Amino acid sequence: MPITPYVALDLQQLEKNVRGMTGKLTQQDIEHWPHIKTHKSVELAKFEIACGAKGITCATLQEATVMAEGGIDHILLAYPMIGEQKCKQFIELAKKIRLKTIIDSLQGAEQLSVAAKQENQIIEVYIAVDYGAHREGIQLDDLEPFALAIQKLPNLKIIGVFTYAGTIYQYRTEPEIRKAAKAEAELLLSCQKRLEKLGIEAPRTSGGSTLSSFYADELKGITESRAGNFIFGDMNAIYGGIYTPEDCALTIRTTVVSIPIEGYATVDAGTKTLTSDQSAEPGFGYIVEDPNIKLVKLNEEHGYLRYDPKKIKLNIGDVLNIIPNHSCVIPNLTNKIYALNNNEIDHIIIPDARY
């Protein structure tokens, strides 16, 4: 085994997670366009496609470029293209693969339209609508005038409506998450009907987080889900009630390197391995070997453990597995993911699109 800390990935659990999510969506006639920002790996993206995904979703132009170079030719870039240089690079990539994106400002749409016209390319775009997270998207009252303005721009083709319902992560119970997932689908379908009344065909409706897609029956009617985190799982999925620790395929393996006093220990994984992202409960991850051991603080290369020495025995040299709060950040912090088959290293997965 490699020296710690390192990222370990259970291949059997990963396959179970991928087939499970794609199966749920397929049963509701929803296409899966998994967000690969979670893993940034061409190998894993191709595996998701082999399991039934119709394409992939990327967060950056760099990710899309790397995935295209790796042989994936159907990509949604779920991020507004702003700036002349970025729009030109987008168009160059669109010449090679089927590439679509989102728009939520007239300025951005105009820049993309100019770049597309210069190269005689027709670009498929989704109108992004703000669900309430206020991350991106036009406001609902602006949908009709915005769509009519976009329709006048050359070389852009509106194909649907897009939203990010990030507010769902505040919920912890199945009824709450189901209600939020249904509301997400209703918003998308309502916007689609409003565009159709304007004479604008918008056949695609893009939504779906890991939480909402777990209850895919509540999303019925939309055409595609971008669920991505499901492939690994993490504490966000556990706190959301859709995963157990056993469902999580990715862990950080770390070693106890110091026990200054009883009840206080230090491991060799800090923010540069785990990130400083927090979740619904205090702490920076879940200790698989004993959840009563708490990871309470991180420095760059140190993790601070607290435990009851009367009940728990820790020794210097003990190797622990940590489920991170947010697994989507982990592959961007490492150049190797150790893929395990029955707890033995099978091969190394490279996060090809990491910065």
Protein backbone atom coordinates (compact mmCIF):
# COMPACT_ATOMS: atom_id res chain seq x y z
CA MET A 1 0.00 0.00 0.00
CA PRO A 2 1.16 3.58 -0.58
CA ILE A 3 2.19 5.82 2.28
CA THR A 4 -0.55 7.88 3.87
CA PRO A 5 -2.41 10.07 3.38
CA TYR A 6 -3.95 8.82 0.17
CA VAL A 7 -7.34 8.60 -1.52
CA ALA A 8 -8.85 5.11 -1.62
CA LEU A 9 -11.74 4.15 -3.90
CA ASP A 10 -13.77 0.97 -3.50
CA LEU A 11 -14.49 -0.17 -7.06
CA GLN A 12 -17.34 -2.52 -6.12
CA GLN A 13 -19.16 0.20 -4.21
CA LEU A 14 -18.51 2.74 -6.94
CA GLU A 15 -20.10 0.47 -9.54
CA LYS A 16 -23.07 -0.12 -7.26
CA ASN A 17 -23.54 3.63 -6.82
CA VAL A 18 -23.31 4.36 -10.56
CA ARG A 19 -25.66 1.60 -11.66
CA GLY A 20 -28.06 2.44 -8.86
CA MET A 21 -28.36 6.11 -9.76
CA THR A 22 -28.55 5.58 -13.52
CA GLY A 23 -31.13 2.87 -12.97
CA LYS A 24 -33.35 5.12 -10.85
CA LEU A 25 -33.27 7.83 -13.51
CA THR A 26 -33.79 5.48 -16.44
CA GLN A 27 -36.92 4.07 -14.79
CA GLN A 28 -38.39 7.60 -14.94
CA ASP A 29 -37.24 8.21 -18.55
CA ILE A 30 -34.71 10.77 -17.33
CA GLU A 31 -31.34 10.88 -19.06
CA HIS A 32 -28.29 10.91 -16.83
CA TRP A 33 -25.69 13.58 -17.58
CA PRO A 34 -23.43 13.11 -14.54
CA HIS A 35 -21.37 16.07 -13.36
CA ILE A 36 -17.74 14.98 -13.63
CA LYS A 37 -16.41 17.78 -11.42
CA THR A 38 -16.82 15.18 -8.67
CA HIS A 39 -14.04 12.94 -10.02
CA LYS A 40 -12.41 14.82 -12.94
CA SER A 41 -11.44 11.47 -14.45
CA VAL A 42 -11.81 10.42 -18.09
CA GLU A 43 -11.81 6.78 -16.96
CA LEU A 44 -14.68 7.29 -14.54
CA ALA A 45 -16.62 9.45 -16.99
CA LYS A 46 -16.38 6.71 -19.61
CA PHE A 47 -17.52 4.17 -17.02
CA GLU A 48 -20.58 6.31 -16.25
CA ILE A 49 -21.39 6.41 -19.98
CA ALA A 50 -20.90 2.65 -20.24
CA CYS A 51 -23.45 2.29 -17.43
CA GLY A 52 -26.05 4.31 -19.32
CA ALA A 53 -25.24 8.03 -19.09
CA LYS A 54 -26.12 9.88 -22.30
CA GLY A 55 -23.36 12.47 -21.93
CA ILE A 56 -21.52 14.30 -19.18
CA THR A 57 -21.69 17.67 -17.47
CA CYS A 58 -18.61 19.81 -16.84
CA ALA A 59 -18.08 22.87 -14.66
CA THR A 60 -15.17 24.45 -16.54
CA LEU A 61 -13.93 24.83 -20.07
CA GLN A 62 -10.75 23.03 -19.00
CA GLU A 63 -12.74 20.03 -17.80
CA ALA A 64 -14.67 19.91 -21.05
CA THR A 65 -11.47 20.14 -23.09
CA VAL A 66 -9.79 17.33 -21.18
CA MET A 67 -12.86 15.12 -21.46
CA ALA A 68 -13.13 15.79 -25.19
CA GLU A 69 -9.46 14.97 -25.67
CA GLY A 70 -10.15 11.74 -23.79
CA GLY A 71 -12.77 10.75 -26.35
CA ILE A 72 -16.05 11.98 -24.86
CA ASP A 73 -18.04 13.82 -27.50
CA HIS A 74 -21.34 14.87 -25.86
CA ILE A 75 -20.85 17.47 -23.15
CA LEU A 76 -22.92 20.05 -21.30
CA LEU A 77 -20.77 22.89 -19.95
CA ALA A 78 -22.97 24.03 -17.06
CA TYR A 79 -21.38 27.42 -16.63
CA PRO A 80 -21.95 30.75 -18.39
CA MET A 81 -19.28 31.62 -20.95
CA ILE A 82 -18.24 35.21 -20.25
CA GLY A 83 -15.48 37.07 -22.09
CA GLU A 84 -14.28 37.09 -25.68
CA GLN A 85 -11.38 34.69 -25.15
CA LYS A 86 -13.42 32.10 -23.28
CA CYS A 87 -16.21 32.25 -25.88
CA LYS A 88 -13.71 31.75 -28.69
CA GLN A 89 -12.19 28.73 -26.94
CA PHE A 90 -15.66 27.33 -26.38
CA ILE A 91 -16.46 27.64 -30.10
CA GLU A 92 -13.19 25.95 -31.06
CA LEU A 93 -14.09 22.99 -28.86
CA ALA A 94 -17.66 22.98 -30.22
CA LYS A 95 -16.23 22.39 -33.71
CA LYS A 96 -14.91 19.03 -32.52
CA ILE A 97 -17.73 17.66 -30.34
CA ARG A 98 -21.37 18.27 -29.54
CA LEU A 99 -21.04 20.93 -26.86
CA LYS A 100 -23.85 22.89 -25.25
CA THR A 101 -23.96 25.44 -22.45
CA ILE A 102 -26.14 27.73 -20.35
CA ILE A 103 -26.89 31.44 -20.56
CA ASP A 104 -28.31 33.80 -17.93
CA SER A 105 -27.30 37.25 -19.16
CA LEU A 106 -27.75 39.14 -22.39
CA GLN A 107 -24.13 40.23 -22.23
CA GLY A 108 -22.85 36.69 -22.07
CA ALA A 109 -25.25 35.51 -24.76
CA GLU A 110 -24.20 38.30 -27.10
CA GLN A 111 -20.52 37.44 -26.65
CA LEU A 112 -21.18 33.77 -27.37
CA SER A 113 -23.33 34.68 -30.36
CA VAL A 114 -20.58 36.84 -31.88
CA ALA A 115 -17.97 34.10 -31.44
CA ALA A 116 -20.30 31.47 -32.90
CA LYS A 117 -21.18 33.62 -35.91
CA GLN A 118 -17.53 34.28 -36.67
CA GLU A 119 -16.92 30.54 -36.99
CA ASN A 120 -20.30 29.69 -38.53
CA GLN A 121 -21.30 27.47 -35.60
CA ILE A 122 -24.77 26.95 -34.14
CA ILE A 123 -24.58 26.63 -30.36
CA GLU A 124 -27.29 24.92 -28.34
CA VAL A 125 -28.06 26.78 -25.12
CA TYR A 126 -30.22 26.33 -22.06
CA ILE A 127 -31.75 29.32 -20.33
CA ALA A 128 -30.63 29.10 -16.71
CA VAL A 129 -33.33 29.99 -14.18
CA ASP A 130 -32.60 30.91 -10.57
CA TYR A 131 -34.29 28.37 -8.27
CA GLY A 132 -33.43 30.33 -5.16
CA ALA A 133 -29.77 29.62 -4.44
CA HIS A 134 -28.89 32.85 -6.32
CA ARG A 135 -25.80 31.22 -7.84
CA GLU A 136 -26.80 31.81 -11.44
CA GLY A 137 -29.94 32.12 -13.50
CA ILE A 138 -32.45 34.72 -14.55
CA GLN A 139 -35.41 35.55 -12.32
CA LEU A 140 -38.71 33.89 -13.21
CA ASP A 141 -40.43 37.18 -14.07
CA ASP A 142 -37.76 37.84 -16.70
CA LEU A 143 -38.12 34.54 -18.56
CA GLU A 144 -40.26 35.69 -21.49
CA PRO A 145 -38.44 38.95 -22.33
CA PHE A 146 -35.06 37.26 -21.89
CA ALA A 147 -35.99 34.33 -24.14
CA LEU A 148 -37.31 36.64 -26.85
CA ALA A 149 -34.09 38.66 -26.73
CA ILE A 150 -31.96 35.50 -27.02
CA GLN A 151 -34.09 34.25 -29.89
CA LYS A 152 -33.03 37.29 -31.92
CA LEU A 153 -29.32 36.56 -31.55
CA PRO A 154 -27.71 34.76 -34.48
CA ASN A 155 -26.13 31.31 -34.12
CA LEU A 156 -27.68 30.50 -30.75
CA LYS A 157 -30.41 27.88 -30.47
CA ILE A 158 -32.50 27.66 -27.30
CA ILE A 159 -33.01 23.97 -26.53
CA GLY A 160 -34.31 24.07 -22.99
CA VAL A 161 -34.34 25.28 -19.42
CA PHE A 162 -31.74 24.67 -16.71
CA THR A 163 -31.71 25.18 -12.95
CA TYR A 164 -29.53 24.47 -9.95
CA ALA A 165 -31.65 23.72 -6.89
CA GLY A 166 -28.83 23.88 -4.35
CA THR A 167 -31.20 24.86 -1.56
CA ILE A 168 -32.17 21.18 -1.28
CA TYR A 169 -29.05 20.52 0.80
CA GLN A 170 -30.61 22.22 3.80
CA TYR A 171 -33.03 19.31 4.20
CA ARG A 172 -32.42 16.13 6.20
CA THR A 173 -35.56 14.01 5.86
CA GLU A 174 -37.03 12.06 2.96
CA PRO A 175 -40.35 13.98 2.92
CA GLU A 176 -38.50 17.33 2.80
CA ILE A 177 -36.16 16.19 0.03
CA ARG A 178 -38.98 14.65 -1.98
CA LYS A 179 -40.97 17.87 -1.72
CA ALA A 180 -37.97 19.92 -2.86
CA ALA A 181 -37.25 17.55 -5.77
CA LYS A 182 -40.86 17.77 -6.94
CA ALA A 183 -40.75 21.57 -6.73
CA GLU A 184 -37.56 21.59 -8.82
CA ALA A 185 -39.21 19.55 -11.55
CA GLU A 186 -42.35 21.69 -11.45
CA LEU A 187 -40.31 24.85 -11.91
CA LEU A 188 -38.51 23.45 -14.96
CA LEU A 189 -41.67 22.12 -16.56
CA SER A 190 -43.54 25.37 -15.88
CA CYS A 191 -40.78 27.38 -17.56
CA GLN A 192 -40.81 25.00 -20.49
CA LYS A 193 -44.55 25.57 -21.00
CA ARG A 194 -44.11 29.33 -20.78
CA LEU A 195 -41.52 29.22 -23.56
CA GLU A 196 -43.77 27.04 -25.69
CA LYS A 197 -46.53 29.66 -25.38
CA LEU A 198 -44.07 32.12 -26.94
CA GLY A 199 -43.54 29.73 -29.83
CA ILE A 200 -40.09 28.73 -28.58
CA GLU A 201 -39.46 25.01 -28.59
CA ALA A 202 -37.54 24.03 -25.46
CA PRO A 203 -37.57 20.21 -25.32
CA ARG A 204 -34.79 19.86 -22.75
CA THR A 205 -35.17 20.37 -18.99
CA SER A 206 -31.95 20.03 -16.99
CA GLY A 207 -31.88 19.71 -13.20
CA GLY A 208 -31.24 17.05 -10.61
CA SER A 209 -28.73 16.99 -7.78
CA THR A 210 -27.65 13.77 -6.08
CA LEU A 211 -30.25 14.33 -3.36
CA SER A 212 -33.18 15.01 -5.69
CA SER A 213 -32.17 12.31 -8.17
CA PHE A 214 -32.11 9.69 -5.44
CA TYR A 215 -35.90 10.18 -5.45
CA ALA A 216 -36.09 10.24 -9.23
CA ASP A 217 -39.82 9.57 -9.25
CA GLU A 218 -40.29 13.14 -7.94
CA LEU A 219 -38.36 14.48 -10.95
CA LYS A 220 -40.49 12.63 -13.49
CA GLY A 221 -41.14 14.81 -16.52
CA ILE A 222 -37.73 16.47 -16.76
CA THR A 223 -35.42 15.18 -19.46
CA GLU A 224 -32.05 15.07 -17.71
CA SER A 225 -30.32 14.95 -14.34
CA ARG A 226 -26.81 16.21 -13.64
CA ALA A 227 -26.31 14.25 -10.39
CA GLY A 228 -22.59 13.80 -9.77
CA ASN A 229 -21.68 13.38 -6.10
CA PHE A 230 -23.52 10.04 -5.91
CA ILE A 231 -20.54 8.21 -7.45
CA PHE A 232 -18.44 8.63 -4.29
CA GLY A 233 -20.86 9.67 -1.56
CA ASP A 234 -19.79 11.75 1.44
CA MET A 235 -21.08 13.21 4.68
CA ASN A 236 -23.45 15.50 2.78
CA ALA A 237 -25.13 12.40 1.34
CA ILE A 238 -25.15 10.71 4.74
CA TYR A 239 -26.66 13.73 6.50
CA GLY A 240 -29.19 13.94 3.68
CA GLY A 241 -30.32 10.44 4.58
CA ILE A 242 -29.70 8.86 1.19
CA TYR A 243 -26.39 7.09 1.98
CA THR A 244 -24.96 5.19 4.91
CA PRO A 245 -21.22 5.08 5.61
CA GLU A 246 -21.16 1.69 3.88
CA ASP A 247 -22.47 3.31 0.67
CA CYS A 248 -19.53 5.72 0.44
CA ALA A 249 -16.96 4.51 -2.09
CA LEU A 250 -14.25 7.10 -1.40
CA THR A 251 -12.25 7.51 1.78
CA ILE A 252 -9.04 9.18 2.87
CA ARG A 253 -6.59 6.77 4.45
CA THR A 254 -4.52 8.43 7.15
CA THR A 255 -2.15 7.45 9.94
CA VAL A 256 -2.11 8.41 13.61
CA VAL A 257 1.25 10.17 13.93
CA SER A 258 1.09 11.66 17.41
CA ILE A 259 -0.75 11.28 20.73
CA PRO A 260 0.37 14.28 22.81
CA ILE A 261 -1.92 13.39 25.70
CA GLU A 262 -4.65 10.83 26.27
CA GLY A 263 -7.76 11.64 24.29
CA TYR A 264 -5.88 13.84 21.81
CA ALA A 265 -4.34 12.43 18.65
CA THR A 266 -3.08 13.76 15.33
CA VAL A 267 -3.35 12.19 11.88
CA ASP A 268 -1.39 13.04 8.74
CA ALA A 269 -4.39 14.35 6.76
CA GLY A 270 -5.24 18.05 6.88
CA THR A 271 -6.89 20.63 4.67
CA LYS A 272 -4.61 19.82 1.72
CA THR A 273 -6.04 16.32 1.72
CA LEU A 274 -9.56 16.65 3.11
CA THR A 275 -10.42 20.32 2.35
CA SER A 276 -11.84 22.61 5.02
CA ASP A 277 -15.41 22.12 3.78
CA GLN A 278 -17.91 21.57 6.54
CA SER A 279 -21.26 19.81 6.51
CA ALA A 280 -24.45 19.67 8.56
CA GLU A 281 -22.70 18.63 11.78
CA PRO A 282 -19.47 19.89 13.38
CA GLY A 283 -16.24 18.23 12.32
CA PHE A 284 -14.33 17.51 9.14
CA GLY A 285 -15.18 13.91 8.35
CA TYR A 286 -16.33 10.55 9.66
CA ILE A 287 -13.90 8.01 11.13
CA VAL A 288 -15.03 4.68 9.69
CA GLU A 289 -13.27 2.56 12.31
CA ASP A 290 -15.03 4.31 15.19
CA PRO A 291 -17.48 7.21 14.72
CA ASN A 292 -16.92 8.17 18.35
CA ILE A 293 -13.51 9.46 17.33
CA LYS A 294 -14.09 13.03 16.21
CA LEU A 295 -12.04 14.97 13.67
CA VAL A 296 -12.44 18.41 15.20
CA LYS A 297 -9.85 20.62 13.53
CA LEU A 298 -7.50 20.72 10.54
CA ASN A 299 -4.22 22.42 9.74
CA GLU A 300 -2.70 22.06 6.30
CA GLU A 301 -1.09 18.67 7.01
CA HIS A 302 -2.55 17.79 10.42
CA GLY A 303 -5.91 16.48 11.55
CA TYR A 304 -6.87 16.83 15.22
CA LEU A 305 -8.70 13.87 16.75
CA ARG A 306 -10.60 13.85 20.03
CA TYR A 307 -11.76 10.66 21.74
CA ASP A 308 -12.51 9.14 25.14
CA PRO A 309 -9.39 7.17 26.15
CA LYS A 310 -11.43 5.17 28.66
CA LYS A 311 -13.52 3.72 25.84
CA ILE A 312 -11.29 3.94 22.77
CA LYS A 313 -7.73 2.74 22.29
CA LEU A 314 -5.65 4.54 19.68
CA ASN A 315 -2.00 3.84 18.93
CA ILE A 316 0.60 5.70 16.95
CA GLY A 317 0.74 4.02 13.56
CA ASP A 318 -2.95 3.11 13.42
CA VAL A 319 -4.40 3.61 9.93
CA LEU A 320 -7.87 5.14 9.79
CA ASN A 321 -10.35 5.73 6.97
CA ILE A 322 -12.11 9.09 6.80
CA ILE A 323 -15.27 9.78 4.81
CA PRO A 324 -14.90 13.44 3.79
CA ASN A 325 -17.58 16.05 4.28
CA HIS A 326 -17.50 16.90 0.58
CA SER A 327 -15.98 14.36 -1.79
CA CYS A 328 -16.25 16.52 -4.92
CA VAL A 329 -13.22 18.55 -3.85
CA ILE A 330 -10.93 15.60 -3.08
CA PRO A 331 -9.82 14.63 -6.63
CA ASN A 332 -8.72 18.21 -7.29
CA LEU A 333 -6.29 17.90 -4.35
CA THR A 334 -4.50 14.73 -5.48
CA ASN A 335 -2.84 13.40 -8.61
CA LYS A 336 -3.67 9.76 -7.81
CA ILE A 337 -6.73 7.87 -6.66
CA TYR A 338 -6.01 4.30 -5.57
CA ALA A 339 -8.73 2.04 -6.96
CA LEU A 340 -9.26 -0.94 -4.67
CA ASN A 341 -10.67 -4.35 -5.49
CA ASN A 342 -11.45 -6.31 -2.32
CA ASN A 343 -9.23 -3.87 -0.41
CA GLU A 344 -6.25 -4.56 -2.69
CA ILE A 345 -4.90 -1.97 -5.11
CA ASP A 346 -6.25 -2.75 -8.57
CA HIS A 347 -4.93 0.28 -10.42
CA ILE A 348 -4.45 4.03 -10.17
CA ILE A 349 -7.08 6.48 -11.44
CA ILE A 350 -5.84 9.87 -12.58
CA PRO A 351 -8.02 12.98 -12.04
CA ASP A 352 -7.13 14.16 -15.55
CA ALA A 353 -8.93 17.51 -15.36
CA ARG A 354 -7.58 18.71 -12.00
CA TYR A 355 -6.05 22.18 -11.92
